[in-house]
Amino acid sequence: MESDTSATLIALIDGTIVGYASVAVRDQPDFYRVKRIGTLSGLMVAVEHRRKGIATGLLAEARAFFA
């Protein structure tokens, strides 16, 4: 699920969701030097699928979204 400013990235194994990351980009008020920021509001991986690189992959996709 994705728009220009937000997305929910999902990790699938055999058609089952095993993890997700929620990302968004928002504008800052004018008094901030940095005008746009990216936020990661959730990063979850099912317990039985941890330590397999799934979160690392989701973070890589989040970075690509922000770029």
C-alpha atoms as a PDB file:
ATOM      1  CA  MET A   1       0.000   0.000   0.000  1.00  0.00           C
ATOM      2  CA  GLU A   2       1.593   3.252  -1.095  1.00  0.00           C
ATOM      3  CA  SER A   3       1.003   6.899  -1.914  1.00  0.00           C
ATOM      4  CA  ASP A   4       3.452   9.699  -2.701  1.00  0.00           C
ATOM      5  CA  THR A   5       3.883  10.487   1.005  1.00  0.00           C
ATOM      6  CA  SER A   6       3.259   7.237   2.888  1.00  0.00           C
ATOM      7  CA  ALA A   7       3.430   3.485   2.540  1.00  0.00           C
ATOM      8  CA  THR A   8       3.013   0.259   4.420  1.00  0.00           C
ATOM      9  CA  LEU A   9       5.690  -2.150   3.274  1.00  0.00           C
ATOM     10  CA  ILE A  10       5.018  -5.838   3.838  1.00  0.00           C
ATOM     11  CA  ALA A  11       7.223  -8.921   3.917  1.00  0.00           C
ATOM     12  CA  LEU A  12       5.665 -12.112   2.604  1.00  0.00           C
ATOM     13  CA  ILE A  13       6.685 -15.747   2.926  1.00  0.00           C
ATOM     14  CA  ASP A  14       4.572 -18.168   0.908  1.00  0.00           C
ATOM     15  CA  GLY A  15       1.801 -15.570   0.660  1.00  0.00           C
ATOM     16  CA  THR A  16       1.675 -14.933   4.420  1.00  0.00           C
ATOM     17  CA  ILE A  17       2.531 -11.550   5.914  1.00  0.00           C
ATOM     18  CA  VAL A  18       5.446 -12.044   8.310  1.00  0.00           C
ATOM     19  CA  GLY A  19       6.450  -8.403   8.800  1.00  0.00           C
ATOM     20  CA  TYR A  20       5.681  -4.824   7.938  1.00  0.00           C
ATOM     21  CA  ALA A  21       7.026  -1.287   8.120  1.00  0.00           C
ATOM     22  CA  SER A  22       4.939   1.901   8.030  1.00  0.00           C
ATOM     23  CA  VAL A  23       6.692   4.939   6.555  1.00  0.00           C
ATOM     24  CA  ALA A  24       5.670   8.524   5.827  1.00  0.00           C
ATOM     25  CA  VAL A  25       7.193  11.764   4.604  1.00  0.00           C
ATOM     26  CA  ARG A  26       5.900  15.058   5.960  1.00  0.00           C
ATOM     27  CA  ASP A  27       6.673  18.737   5.673  1.00  0.00           C
ATOM     28  CA  GLN A  28       8.102  20.607   8.635  1.00  0.00           C
ATOM     29  CA  PRO A  29       6.999  24.107   9.707  1.00  0.00           C
ATOM     30  CA  ASP A  30       8.998  26.901   8.039  1.00  0.00           C
ATOM     31  CA  PHE A  31      11.093  27.667  11.130  1.00  0.00           C
ATOM     32  CA  TYR A  32      12.887  24.298  10.871  1.00  0.00           C
ATOM     33  CA  ARG A  33      16.029  24.081   8.743  1.00  0.00           C
ATOM     34  CA  VAL A  34      15.088  20.621   7.494  1.00  0.00           C
ATOM     35  CA  LYS A  35      11.891  21.121   5.485  1.00  0.00           C
ATOM     36  CA  ARG A  36      10.848  17.492   4.923  1.00  0.00           C
ATOM     37  CA  ILE A  37      11.348  14.489   7.174  1.00  0.00           C
ATOM     38  CA  GLY A  38      10.753  10.780   6.866  1.00  0.00           C
ATOM     39  CA  THR A  39       9.263   8.780   9.703  1.00  0.00           C
ATOM     40  CA  LEU A  40       9.190   5.077  10.405  1.00  0.00           C
ATOM     41  CA  SER A  41       6.194   4.551  12.664  1.00  0.00           C
ATOM     42  CA  GLY A  42       6.259   0.786  12.869  1.00  0.00           C
ATOM     43  CA  LEU A  43       8.585  -2.100  12.106  1.00  0.00           C
ATOM     44  CA  MET A  44       7.360  -5.532  13.135  1.00  0.00           C
ATOM     45  CA  VAL A  45       8.422  -9.079  12.292  1.00  0.00           C
ATOM     46  CA  ALA A  46       6.621 -12.183  13.550  1.00  0.00           C
ATOM     47  CA  VAL A  47       8.569 -13.904  16.324  1.00  0.00           C
ATOM     48  CA  GLU A  48       9.046 -17.140  14.405  1.00  0.00           C
ATOM     49  CA  HIS A  49      10.564 -15.253  11.444  1.00  0.00           C
ATOM     50  CA  ARG A  50      13.037 -13.041  13.297  1.00  0.00           C
ATOM     51  CA  ARG A  51      16.817 -13.160  12.759  1.00  0.00           C
ATOM     52  CA  LYS A  52      16.389 -13.989   9.080  1.00  0.00           C
ATOM     53  CA  GLY A  53      17.076 -10.555   7.595  1.00  0.00           C
ATOM     54  CA  ILE A  54      13.433  -9.582   7.168  1.00  0.00           C
ATOM     55  CA  ALA A  55      13.681  -6.354   9.189  1.00  0.00           C
ATOM     56  CA  THR A  56      16.899  -5.465   7.360  1.00  0.00           C
ATOM     57  CA  GLY A  57      15.080  -5.886   4.059  1.00  0.00           C
ATOM     58  CA  LEU A  58      12.148  -3.780   5.231  1.00  0.00           C
ATOM     59  CA  LEU A  59      14.543  -1.032   6.359  1.00  0.00           C
ATOM     60  CA  ALA A  60      16.232  -1.102   2.951  1.00  0.00           C
ATOM     61  CA  GLU A  61      12.841  -0.664   1.270  1.00  0.00           C
ATOM     62  CA  ALA A  62      12.007   2.167   3.673  1.00  0.00           C
ATOM     63  CA  ARG A  63      15.256   3.951   2.767  1.00  0.00           C
ATOM     64  CA  ALA A  64      14.420   3.521  -0.922  1.00  0.00           C
ATOM     65  CA  PHE A  65      10.976   5.020  -0.327  1.00  0.00           C
ATOM     66  CA  PHE A  66      12.507   8.035   1.408  1.00  0.00           C
ATOM     67  CA  ALA A  67      15.005   8.530  -1.411  1.00  0.00           C
END
